[in-house]
Amino acid sequence: GIENNSVYTICNGDLCAVVHTCPAKPYISENKEQVIGWVKAHQKVIDAAYAVFGTVIPFSFDVIIKGENSEQLVKNWLSSEEEELKKKIQRIKGKQEFGVKIFLAEQDVTRVIMQSNKEIKVLEEEIKIAKKGAAYFHKQRIQTIIKKEIEKYVELYFKEFYKKIKQVTEEVRIEKMKKRDALIMVLNVSILVKTEHVPVLANMLDYIHKKQGFSVEFTGPWPPYSFTS
């Protein structure tokens, strides 16, 4: 465990909590490498627990139980939350969490819009003969059209890819959309997948990744934090 503390289980019935003894205060340090080491140790314990038990409800780093008899507090918690904990275990049993991000190259989609949009073609012709002020407003109008058309593309592709992913996953959680340099984010999701369906999902995402203008980030498997909170 963290700082080489021995990890053990506290059990109540057929539920066990994986713990180690520590001071009743948060892990705080100005040393970034030390904090990274703590988090890695925490993750290592989760991975080891998965290897032993098969299904684990992961807790975030730095969850500390404080009290005179902390072990009994854990047992009491396992007892009081037994029904809810077993529901969560059943929810994630035999499944893995992955992250999927799909991007579209802004340059590629802009080129398609410029070549296919009739209003932009008209404005481009008018720019050639327009005075400086009018030409500026025409250019601004073109940028507005491109922005709106990109939004349509994003919505269209989001629906298409979300539907495909949904077909081979158990649960999908939509995450925040973020632009990255010259890439437009089309989809950002956390997904819960049955282990046997992972190859099918991977092949599907690989097909999308190879499409002109698209790129896919497929990360995991992760502890199912997104589906047990």
C-alpha atoms as a PDB file:
ATOM      1  CA  GLY A   1       0.000   0.000   0.000  1.00  0.00           C
ATOM      2  CA  ILE A   2       0.923   3.659   0.305  1.00  0.00           C
ATOM      3  CA  GLU A   3       4.367   4.128   1.908  1.00  0.00           C
ATOM      4  CA  ASN A   4       4.692   0.311   2.064  1.00  0.00           C
ATOM      5  CA  ASN A   5       1.865  -0.078   4.586  1.00  0.00           C
ATOM      6  CA  SER A   6       0.476  -3.630   4.740  1.00  0.00           C
ATOM      7  CA  VAL A   7      -2.865  -3.991   2.977  1.00  0.00           C
ATOM      8  CA  TYR A   8      -5.527  -6.251   4.452  1.00  0.00           C
ATOM      9  CA  THR A   9      -9.280  -6.821   4.330  1.00  0.00           C
ATOM     10  CA  ILE A  10     -12.010  -5.979   6.812  1.00  0.00           C
ATOM     11  CA  CYS A  11     -15.012  -8.207   6.202  1.00  0.00           C
ATOM     12  CA  ASN A  12     -18.657  -8.232   7.161  1.00  0.00           C
ATOM     13  CA  GLY A  13     -20.571 -11.204   5.813  1.00  0.00           C
ATOM     14  CA  ASP A  14     -19.494 -11.704   2.210  1.00  0.00           C
ATOM     15  CA  LEU A  15     -18.376  -8.100   1.668  1.00  0.00           C
ATOM     16  CA  CYS A  16     -14.813  -6.962   2.326  1.00  0.00           C
ATOM     17  CA  ALA A  17     -13.096  -3.583   2.344  1.00  0.00           C
ATOM     18  CA  VAL A  18      -9.442  -3.444   1.270  1.00  0.00           C
ATOM     19  CA  VAL A  19      -7.606  -1.089   3.635  1.00  0.00           C
ATOM     20  CA  HIS A  20      -4.361  -0.187   5.329  1.00  0.00           C
ATOM     21  CA  THR A  21      -3.598   1.572   8.594  1.00  0.00           C
ATOM     22  CA  CYS A  22      -2.630   5.247   8.313  1.00  0.00           C
ATOM     23  CA  PRO A  23      -2.722   8.483  10.324  1.00  0.00           C
ATOM     24  CA  ALA A  24      -6.174  10.073  10.570  1.00  0.00           C
ATOM     25  CA  LYS A  25      -5.281  12.972   8.296  1.00  0.00           C
ATOM     26  CA  PRO A  26      -5.192  13.593   4.522  1.00  0.00           C
ATOM     27  CA  TYR A  27      -2.117  12.822   2.427  1.00  0.00           C
ATOM     28  CA  ILE A  28      -0.794  16.309   1.635  1.00  0.00           C
ATOM     29  CA  SER A  29       2.591  17.193   0.171  1.00  0.00           C
ATOM     30  CA  GLU A  30       4.214  19.999  -1.794  1.00  0.00           C
ATOM     31  CA  ASN A  31       6.342  17.342  -3.477  1.00  0.00           C
ATOM     32  CA  LYS A  32       4.601  16.454  -6.738  1.00  0.00           C
ATOM     33  CA  GLU A  33       6.589  13.232  -7.189  1.00  0.00           C
ATOM     34  CA  GLN A  34       5.572  12.068  -3.726  1.00  0.00           C
ATOM     35  CA  VAL A  35       1.891  12.655  -4.480  1.00  0.00           C
ATOM     36  CA  ILE A  36       2.219  10.795  -7.785  1.00  0.00           C
ATOM     37  CA  GLY A  37       3.828   7.918  -5.898  1.00  0.00           C
ATOM     38  CA  TRP A  38       0.921   7.803  -3.438  1.00  0.00           C
ATOM     39  CA  VAL A  39      -1.649   7.744  -6.233  1.00  0.00           C
ATOM     40  CA  LYS A  40       0.260   5.027  -8.113  1.00  0.00           C
ATOM     41  CA  ALA A  41       0.432   2.918  -4.959  1.00  0.00           C
ATOM     42  CA  HIS A  42      -3.321   3.360  -4.489  1.00  0.00           C
ATOM     43  CA  GLN A  43      -3.910   2.229  -8.074  1.00  0.00           C
ATOM     44  CA  LYS A  44      -1.556  -0.725  -7.631  1.00  0.00           C
ATOM     45  CA  VAL A  45      -3.664  -1.955  -4.702  1.00  0.00           C
ATOM     46  CA  ILE A  46      -6.848  -1.639  -6.772  1.00  0.00           C
ATOM     47  CA  ASP A  47      -5.254  -3.626  -9.604  1.00  0.00           C
ATOM     48  CA  ALA A  48      -4.097  -6.315  -7.160  1.00  0.00           C
ATOM     49  CA  ALA A  49      -7.573  -6.514  -5.633  1.00  0.00           C
ATOM     50  CA  TYR A  50      -9.051  -6.972  -9.126  1.00  0.00           C
ATOM     51  CA  ALA A  51      -6.602  -9.816  -9.743  1.00  0.00           C
ATOM     52  CA  VAL A  52      -7.722 -11.550  -6.543  1.00  0.00           C
ATOM     53  CA  PHE A  53     -11.454 -10.809  -6.366  1.00  0.00           C
ATOM     54  CA  GLY A  54     -12.457 -10.161  -9.978  1.00  0.00           C
ATOM     55  CA  THR A  55     -14.849  -7.328  -9.132  1.00  0.00           C
ATOM     56  CA  VAL A  56     -13.961  -4.285  -7.019  1.00  0.00           C
ATOM     57  CA  ILE A  57     -15.732  -1.016  -6.236  1.00  0.00           C
ATOM     58  CA  PRO A  58     -12.847   1.483  -6.454  1.00  0.00           C
ATOM     59  CA  PHE A  59     -12.580   4.351  -4.005  1.00  0.00           C
ATOM     60  CA  SER A  60     -10.745   7.568  -4.802  1.00  0.00           C
ATOM     61  CA  PHE A  61      -7.296   8.171  -3.364  1.00  0.00           C
ATOM     62  CA  ASP A  62      -7.220   9.674   0.152  1.00  0.00           C
ATOM     63  CA  VAL A  63     -10.469   8.218   1.538  1.00  0.00           C
ATOM     64  CA  ILE A  64      -9.718   7.899   5.261  1.00  0.00           C
ATOM     65  CA  ILE A  65     -11.900   6.508   8.057  1.00  0.00           C
ATOM     66  CA  LYS A  66     -11.363   8.400  11.302  1.00  0.00           C
ATOM     67  CA  GLY A  67     -12.441   7.182  14.725  1.00  0.00           C
ATOM     68  CA  GLU A  68     -11.424   5.375  17.892  1.00  0.00           C
ATOM     69  CA  ASN A  69     -12.374   2.013  16.392  1.00  0.00           C
ATOM     70  CA  SER A  70     -12.049   2.603  12.663  1.00  0.00           C
ATOM     71  CA  GLU A  71     -12.197  -1.101  11.793  1.00  0.00           C
ATOM     72  CA  GLN A  72     -15.589  -1.423  13.480  1.00  0.00           C
ATOM     73  CA  LEU A  73     -16.756   1.703  11.659  1.00  0.00           C
ATOM     74  CA  VAL A  74     -15.840   0.019   8.377  1.00  0.00           C
ATOM     75  CA  LYS A  75     -17.753  -3.133   9.375  1.00  0.00           C
ATOM     76  CA  ASN A  76     -20.779  -1.050  10.366  1.00  0.00           C
ATOM     77  CA  TRP A  77     -20.618   0.730   7.016  1.00  0.00           C
ATOM     78  CA  LEU A  78     -20.406  -2.550   5.090  1.00  0.00           C
ATOM     79  CA  SER A  79     -23.451  -3.761   6.995  1.00  0.00           C
ATOM     80  CA  SER A  80     -25.549  -0.615   6.558  1.00  0.00           C
ATOM     81  CA  GLU A  81     -24.687  -0.266   2.858  1.00  0.00           C
ATOM     82  CA  GLU A  82     -24.787  -3.985   2.025  1.00  0.00           C
ATOM     83  CA  GLU A  83     -27.747  -3.828  -0.361  1.00  0.00           C
ATOM     84  CA  GLU A  84     -26.440  -0.792  -2.255  1.00  0.00           C
ATOM     85  CA  LEU A  85     -22.888  -2.170  -2.448  1.00  0.00           C
ATOM     86  CA  LYS A  86     -24.098  -5.493  -3.822  1.00  0.00           C
ATOM     87  CA  LYS A  87     -26.134  -3.658  -6.465  1.00  0.00           C
ATOM     88  CA  LYS A  88     -22.995  -1.797  -7.542  1.00  0.00           C
ATOM     89  CA  ILE A  89     -20.964  -4.999  -7.628  1.00  0.00           C
ATOM     90  CA  GLN A  90     -23.589  -6.668  -9.790  1.00  0.00           C
ATOM     91  CA  ARG A  91     -23.654  -3.603 -12.047  1.00  0.00           C
ATOM     92  CA  ILE A  92     -19.922  -3.786 -12.828  1.00  0.00           C
ATOM     93  CA  LYS A  93     -19.297  -7.538 -12.575  1.00  0.00           C
ATOM     94  CA  GLY A  94     -17.583  -8.915 -15.678  1.00  0.00           C
ATOM     95  CA  LYS A  95     -17.298  -5.412 -17.171  1.00  0.00           C
ATOM     96  CA  GLN A  96     -14.550  -2.873 -17.742  1.00  0.00           C
ATOM     97  CA  GLU A  97     -14.499   0.920 -17.996  1.00  0.00           C
ATOM     98  CA  PHE A  98     -12.874   2.655 -20.960  1.00  0.00           C
ATOM     99  CA  GLY A  99     -12.619   6.227 -22.173  1.00  0.00           C
ATOM    100  CA  VAL A 100     -13.440   7.101 -25.785  1.00  0.00           C
ATOM    101  CA  LYS A 101     -12.667  10.440 -27.444  1.00  0.00           C
ATOM    102  CA  ILE A 102     -13.317  11.047 -31.138  1.00  0.00           C
ATOM    103  CA  PHE A 103     -11.886  14.077 -32.921  1.00  0.00           C
ATOM    104  CA  LEU A 104     -12.433  15.622 -36.341  1.00  0.00           C
ATOM    105  CA  ALA A 105      -9.682  17.607 -38.055  1.00  0.00           C
ATOM    106  CA  GLU A 106     -10.914  21.208 -38.307  1.00  0.00           C
ATOM    107  CA  GLN A 107      -8.969  21.808 -41.519  1.00  0.00           C
ATOM    108  CA  ASP A 108     -10.600  18.838 -43.279  1.00  0.00           C
ATOM    109  CA  VAL A 109     -14.178  19.685 -42.341  1.00  0.00           C
ATOM    110  CA  THR A 110     -13.647  23.373 -43.148  1.00  0.00           C
ATOM    111  CA  ARG A 111     -12.380  22.462 -46.609  1.00  0.00           C
ATOM    112  CA  VAL A 112     -15.477  20.312 -47.263  1.00  0.00           C
ATOM    113  CA  ILE A 113     -17.769  23.145 -46.147  1.00  0.00           C
ATOM    114  CA  MET A 114     -15.943  25.705 -48.299  1.00  0.00           C
ATOM    115  CA  GLN A 115     -16.238  23.459 -51.340  1.00  0.00           C
ATOM    116  CA  SER A 116     -19.885  22.465 -50.887  1.00  0.00           C
ATOM    117  CA  ASN A 117     -21.706  25.460 -49.374  1.00  0.00           C
ATOM    118  CA  LYS A 118     -23.443  27.526 -52.064  1.00  0.00           C
ATOM    119  CA  GLU A 119     -23.750  30.670 -49.954  1.00  0.00           C
ATOM    120  CA  ILE A 120     -19.999  30.664 -49.291  1.00  0.00           C
ATOM    121  CA  LYS A 121     -19.294  30.316 -53.022  1.00  0.00           C
ATOM    122  CA  VAL A 122     -21.474  33.374 -53.740  1.00  0.00           C
ATOM    123  CA  LEU A 123     -19.767  35.382 -50.999  1.00  0.00           C
ATOM    124  CA  GLU A 124     -16.319  34.452 -52.299  1.00  0.00           C
ATOM    125  CA  GLU A 125     -17.245  35.787 -55.748  1.00  0.00           C
ATOM    126  CA  GLU A 126     -18.589  38.996 -54.210  1.00  0.00           C
ATOM    127  CA  ILE A 127     -15.367  39.474 -52.221  1.00  0.00           C
ATOM    128  CA  LYS A 128     -13.410  39.620 -55.484  1.00  0.00           C
ATOM    129  CA  ILE A 129     -15.237  42.770 -56.607  1.00  0.00           C
ATOM    130  CA  ALA A 130     -16.276  44.277 -53.264  1.00  0.00           C
ATOM    131  CA  LYS A 131     -14.699  47.264 -51.563  1.00  0.00           C
ATOM    132  CA  LYS A 132     -12.531  46.688 -48.520  1.00  0.00           C
ATOM    133  CA  GLY A 133     -15.296  47.258 -45.946  1.00  0.00           C
ATOM    134  CA  ALA A 134     -17.836  45.060 -47.723  1.00  0.00           C
ATOM    135  CA  ALA A 135     -15.230  42.362 -48.317  1.00  0.00           C
ATOM    136  CA  TYR A 136     -14.478  42.283 -44.585  1.00  0.00           C
ATOM    137  CA  PHE A 137     -18.144  41.715 -43.707  1.00  0.00           C
ATOM    138  CA  HIS A 138     -18.411  39.001 -46.378  1.00  0.00           C
ATOM    139  CA  LYS A 139     -15.415  37.242 -44.830  1.00  0.00           C
ATOM    140  CA  GLN A 140     -17.000  37.504 -41.389  1.00  0.00           C
ATOM    141  CA  ARG A 141     -20.185  36.038 -42.805  1.00  0.00           C
ATOM    142  CA  ILE A 142     -18.230  33.109 -44.247  1.00  0.00           C
ATOM    143  CA  GLN A 143     -16.669  32.414 -40.836  1.00  0.00           C
ATOM    144  CA  THR A 144     -20.118  32.459 -39.224  1.00  0.00           C
ATOM    145  CA  ILE A 145     -21.429  29.989 -41.818  1.00  0.00           C
ATOM    146  CA  ILE A 146     -18.443  27.697 -41.307  1.00  0.00           C
ATOM    147  CA  LYS A 147     -18.939  27.745 -37.520  1.00  0.00           C
ATOM    148  CA  LYS A 148     -22.626  26.840 -37.818  1.00  0.00           C
ATOM    149  CA  GLU A 149     -21.933  24.118 -40.362  1.00  0.00           C
ATOM    150  CA  ILE A 150     -19.221  22.616 -38.128  1.00  0.00           C
ATOM    151  CA  GLU A 151     -21.726  22.515 -35.259  1.00  0.00           C
ATOM    152  CA  LYS A 152     -24.100  20.580 -37.532  1.00  0.00           C
ATOM    153  CA  TYR A 153     -21.343  18.124 -38.449  1.00  0.00           C
ATOM    154  CA  VAL A 154     -20.451  17.607 -34.781  1.00  0.00           C
ATOM    155  CA  GLU A 155     -24.075  16.965 -33.836  1.00  0.00           C
ATOM    156  CA  LEU A 156     -24.508  14.562 -36.748  1.00  0.00           C
ATOM    157  CA  TYR A 157     -21.349  12.576 -36.013  1.00  0.00           C
ATOM    158  CA  PHE A 158     -22.013  12.578 -32.270  1.00  0.00           C
ATOM    159  CA  LYS A 159     -25.398  10.909 -32.825  1.00  0.00           C
ATOM    160  CA  GLU A 160     -23.924   8.421 -35.301  1.00  0.00           C
ATOM    161  CA  PHE A 161     -20.967   7.361 -33.136  1.00  0.00           C
ATOM    162  CA  TYR A 162     -22.906   7.409 -29.873  1.00  0.00           C
ATOM    163  CA  LYS A 163     -25.488   5.043 -31.391  1.00  0.00           C
ATOM    164  CA  LYS A 164     -22.772   2.660 -32.626  1.00  0.00           C
ATOM    165  CA  ILE A 165     -20.947   2.626 -29.276  1.00  0.00           C
ATOM    166  CA  LYS A 166     -24.187   2.202 -27.345  1.00  0.00           C
ATOM    167  CA  GLN A 167     -24.910  -1.020 -29.253  1.00  0.00           C
ATOM    168  CA  VAL A 168     -21.851  -2.820 -27.845  1.00  0.00           C
ATOM    169  CA  THR A 169     -21.649  -1.284 -24.350  1.00  0.00           C
ATOM    170  CA  GLU A 170     -23.643  -1.692 -21.156  1.00  0.00           C
ATOM    171  CA  GLU A 171     -23.584   1.948 -20.084  1.00  0.00           C
ATOM    172  CA  VAL A 172     -22.364   5.221 -21.556  1.00  0.00           C
ATOM    173  CA  ARG A 173     -21.597   8.402 -19.635  1.00  0.00           C
ATOM    174  CA  ILE A 174     -21.181  11.617 -21.637  1.00  0.00           C
ATOM    175  CA  GLU A 175     -18.208  13.737 -20.549  1.00  0.00           C
ATOM    176  CA  LYS A 176     -17.361  17.391 -21.238  1.00  0.00           C
ATOM    177  CA  MET A 177     -16.481  18.337 -24.809  1.00  0.00           C
ATOM    178  CA  LYS A 178     -13.137  20.101 -25.296  1.00  0.00           C
ATOM    179  CA  LYS A 179     -11.356  21.419 -28.360  1.00  0.00           C
ATOM    180  CA  ARG A 180      -7.728  20.391 -28.803  1.00  0.00           C
ATOM    181  CA  ASP A 181      -5.512  22.518 -31.038  1.00  0.00           C
ATOM    182  CA  ALA A 182      -6.706  21.952 -34.622  1.00  0.00           C
ATOM    183  CA  LEU A 183      -8.986  19.081 -33.628  1.00  0.00           C
ATOM    184  CA  ILE A 184     -12.709  19.363 -32.958  1.00  0.00           C
ATOM    185  CA  MET A 185     -14.017  16.964 -30.327  1.00  0.00           C
ATOM    186  CA  VAL A 186     -17.001  15.071 -31.683  1.00  0.00           C
ATOM    187  CA  LEU A 187     -17.537  12.688 -28.771  1.00  0.00           C
ATOM    188  CA  ASN A 188     -16.164  12.221 -25.254  1.00  0.00           C
ATOM    189  CA  VAL A 189     -17.606   9.347 -23.206  1.00  0.00           C
ATOM    190  CA  SER A 190     -16.815   6.921 -20.434  1.00  0.00           C
ATOM    191  CA  ILE A 191     -18.199   3.469 -21.178  1.00  0.00           C
ATOM    192  CA  LEU A 192     -18.830   0.246 -19.287  1.00  0.00           C
ATOM    193  CA  VAL A 193     -18.269  -2.811 -21.470  1.00  0.00           C
ATOM    194  CA  LYS A 194     -18.601  -6.540 -20.964  1.00  0.00           C
ATOM    195  CA  THR A 195     -15.115  -8.031 -21.203  1.00  0.00           C
ATOM    196  CA  GLU A 196     -16.077 -10.260 -24.133  1.00  0.00           C
ATOM    197  CA  HIS A 197     -17.346  -7.263 -26.131  1.00  0.00           C
ATOM    198  CA  VAL A 198     -14.102  -5.250 -25.869  1.00  0.00           C
ATOM    199  CA  PRO A 199     -12.592  -6.643 -29.137  1.00  0.00           C
ATOM    200  CA  VAL A 200     -15.778  -5.723 -31.058  1.00  0.00           C
ATOM    201  CA  LEU A 201     -15.656  -2.189 -29.659  1.00  0.00           C
ATOM    202  CA  ALA A 202     -11.936  -1.878 -30.425  1.00  0.00           C
ATOM    203  CA  ASN A 203     -12.488  -2.925 -34.061  1.00  0.00           C
ATOM    204  CA  MET A 204     -15.323  -0.411 -34.424  1.00  0.00           C
ATOM    205  CA  LEU A 205     -13.192   2.431 -33.066  1.00  0.00           C
ATOM    206  CA  ASP A 206     -10.254   1.402 -35.240  1.00  0.00           C
ATOM    207  CA  TYR A 207     -12.529   1.673 -38.308  1.00  0.00           C
ATOM    208  CA  ILE A 208     -13.553   5.213 -37.282  1.00  0.00           C
ATOM    209  CA  HIS A 209      -9.909   6.142 -36.601  1.00  0.00           C
ATOM    210  CA  LYS A 210      -8.970   5.195 -40.159  1.00  0.00           C
ATOM    211  CA  LYS A 211     -11.694   7.386 -41.713  1.00  0.00           C
ATOM    212  CA  GLN A 212     -10.441  10.557 -43.395  1.00  0.00           C
ATOM    213  CA  GLY A 213     -10.225  13.437 -40.930  1.00  0.00           C
ATOM    214  CA  PHE A 214     -11.031  11.415 -37.794  1.00  0.00           C
ATOM    215  CA  SER A 215      -8.868  10.345 -34.880  1.00  0.00           C
ATOM    216  CA  VAL A 216      -9.815   8.222 -31.873  1.00  0.00           C
ATOM    217  CA  GLU A 217      -8.389   7.962 -28.359  1.00  0.00           C
ATOM    218  CA  PHE A 218      -9.337   4.695 -26.667  1.00  0.00           C
ATOM    219  CA  THR A 219      -8.015   4.405 -23.099  1.00  0.00           C
ATOM    220  CA  GLY A 220      -8.364   1.807 -20.356  1.00  0.00           C
ATOM    221  CA  PRO A 221      -9.388  -0.461 -18.913  1.00  0.00           C
ATOM    222  CA  TRP A 222      -9.880   1.671 -15.804  1.00  0.00           C
ATOM    223  CA  PRO A 223     -11.429   0.932 -12.433  1.00  0.00           C
ATOM    224  CA  PRO A 224     -15.126   1.764 -12.960  1.00  0.00           C
ATOM    225  CA  TYR A 225     -15.113   5.041 -11.007  1.00  0.00           C
ATOM    226  CA  SER A 226     -17.620   6.592 -13.424  1.00  0.00           C
ATOM    227  CA  PHE A 227     -20.221   3.905 -12.750  1.00  0.00           C
ATOM    228  CA  THR A 228     -19.917   3.328  -9.008  1.00  0.00           C
ATOM    229  CA  SER A 229     -19.989   6.846  -7.559  1.00  0.00           C
END
